[in-house]
Amino acid sequence: GFYSTVSGSSTCSSCNAGSFQSDVGATYCEGCLAGTYSNAGAAHCTICDSGYFSEEEASQCTKCDSGSYSNASSGSCVTCPPGRWAGYGSSDCYSCDAGKYALE
């Protein structure tokens, strides 16, 4: 989670949130991939849970809006098709019950 770009440095810098460094003696940090996130000083990125997503170099995951869902490690949410629905932060779309419908 730390790096140094200067020869003879007496300290190392912490990787910014959304990036990581797992190697010792590093001179740079790598950005987290979409579907993952990190806090500052991270040695690795953490996978977003189902119902959440993140873009590249994210410092946190975001819940999917109602009407959409995601699997774990997703870079975006998927809109539910007609006849199916999902609540805020869902990991799947659900079929409408008998007597009910969903257009979007």
Protein backbone atom coordinates (compact mmCIF):
# COMPACT_ATOMS: atom_id res chain seq x y z
CA GLY A 1 0.00 0.00 0.00
CA PHE A 2 3.05 2.29 -0.11
CA TYR A 3 5.57 3.52 -2.69
CA SER A 4 8.46 5.93 -3.23
CA THR A 5 9.56 7.63 -6.44
CA VAL A 6 12.60 9.45 -5.05
CA SER A 7 16.09 7.95 -4.55
CA GLY A 8 17.33 8.33 -0.98
CA SER A 9 13.86 9.00 0.40
CA SER A 10 13.38 8.70 4.15
CA THR A 11 9.64 7.94 3.88
CA CYS A 12 7.20 6.21 1.57
CA SER A 13 3.91 7.60 0.33
CA SER A 14 0.59 5.87 0.84
CA CYS A 15 -1.33 4.77 -2.26
CA ASN A 16 -4.45 6.88 -2.79
CA ALA A 17 -7.91 5.41 -2.32
CA GLY A 18 -8.86 3.53 -5.48
CA SER A 19 -5.32 2.24 -5.98
CA PHE A 20 -3.06 -0.37 -4.37
CA GLN A 21 0.45 -1.77 -4.22
CA SER A 22 1.15 -5.32 -3.05
CA ASP A 23 4.90 -5.35 -3.72
CA VAL A 24 7.67 -4.25 -1.36
CA GLY A 25 9.99 -1.57 -2.79
CA ALA A 26 7.42 -0.23 -5.23
CA THR A 27 7.79 3.01 -7.19
CA TYR A 28 4.10 3.40 -8.15
CA CYS A 29 0.57 2.30 -7.27
CA GLU A 30 -1.83 0.44 -9.56
CA GLY A 31 -5.48 1.45 -10.02
CA CYS A 32 -8.26 -0.87 -8.92
CA LEU A 33 -10.25 -2.49 -11.71
CA ALA A 34 -13.97 -1.87 -12.23
CA GLY A 35 -15.95 -3.98 -9.75
CA THR A 36 -13.37 -3.45 -7.00
CA TYR A 37 -12.36 -0.64 -4.62
CA SER A 38 -9.71 0.27 -2.04
CA ASN A 39 -9.07 2.63 0.82
CA ALA A 40 -5.85 4.67 1.00
CA GLY A 41 -2.74 2.60 1.75
CA ALA A 42 -4.24 -0.65 0.46
CA ALA A 43 -2.14 -3.68 -0.47
CA HIS A 44 -4.98 -5.03 -2.65
CA CYS A 45 -8.42 -4.08 -3.96
CA THR A 46 -11.62 -5.49 -2.48
CA ILE A 47 -14.38 -6.99 -4.66
CA CYS A 48 -17.76 -5.21 -4.60
CA ASP A 49 -20.60 -7.34 -3.19
CA SER A 50 -23.63 -8.39 -5.24
CA GLY A 51 -26.03 -5.47 -5.58
CA TYR A 52 -23.13 -2.99 -5.76
CA PHE A 53 -20.81 -1.77 -8.54
CA SER A 54 -17.78 0.43 -9.04
CA GLU A 55 -15.93 2.04 -11.92
CA GLU A 56 -12.13 1.85 -12.25
CA GLU A 57 -10.05 3.35 -9.42
CA ALA A 58 -13.00 3.56 -7.02
CA SER A 59 -12.71 4.28 -3.31
CA GLN A 60 -16.08 2.64 -2.58
CA CYS A 61 -18.82 0.57 -4.19
CA THR A 62 -22.23 2.07 -5.02
CA LYS A 63 -25.59 0.33 -4.58
CA CYS A 64 -27.54 -0.45 -7.75
CA ASP A 65 -30.65 1.69 -8.23
CA SER A 66 -34.10 0.14 -7.95
CA GLY A 67 -34.99 -1.65 -11.18
CA SER A 68 -31.43 -2.92 -11.69
CA TYR A 69 -29.07 -5.50 -10.17
CA SER A 70 -25.47 -6.71 -10.21
CA ASN A 71 -23.39 -9.77 -9.41
CA ALA A 72 -20.28 -9.52 -7.23
CA SER A 73 -17.31 -7.67 -8.83
CA SER A 74 -19.51 -5.78 -11.34
CA GLY A 75 -18.45 -2.59 -13.06
CA SER A 76 -22.09 -1.61 -13.69
CA CYS A 77 -25.67 -2.59 -12.90
CA VAL A 78 -27.99 -4.37 -15.32
CA THR A 79 -31.55 -3.07 -15.91
CA CYS A 80 -34.31 -5.58 -15.22
CA PRO A 81 -36.38 -6.60 -18.27
CA PRO A 82 -40.15 -6.00 -18.44
CA GLY A 83 -42.07 -8.33 -16.13
CA ARG A 84 -39.26 -8.38 -13.56
CA TRP A 85 -38.31 -6.01 -10.74
CA ALA A 86 -35.47 -5.32 -8.28
CA GLY A 87 -35.21 -3.20 -5.14
CA TYR A 88 -32.38 -0.80 -4.26
CA GLY A 89 -29.10 -2.75 -4.00
CA SER A 90 -30.46 -6.01 -5.46
CA SER A 91 -28.37 -8.95 -6.59
CA ASP A 92 -31.07 -10.25 -8.96
CA CYS A 93 -34.31 -9.34 -10.74
CA TYR A 94 -37.49 -11.05 -9.54
CA SER A 95 -40.57 -12.08 -11.51
CA CYS A 96 -43.71 -10.07 -10.86
CA ASP A 97 -46.36 -11.93 -8.84
CA ALA A 98 -49.63 -12.95 -10.45
CA GLY A 99 -51.86 -9.89 -10.81
CA LYS A 100 -48.90 -7.45 -10.98
CA TYR A 101 -46.67 -6.17 -13.76
CA ALA A 102 -43.55 -4.07 -14.40
CA LEU A 103 -42.96 -2.11 -17.61
CA GLU A 104 -39.37 -1.07 -16.90
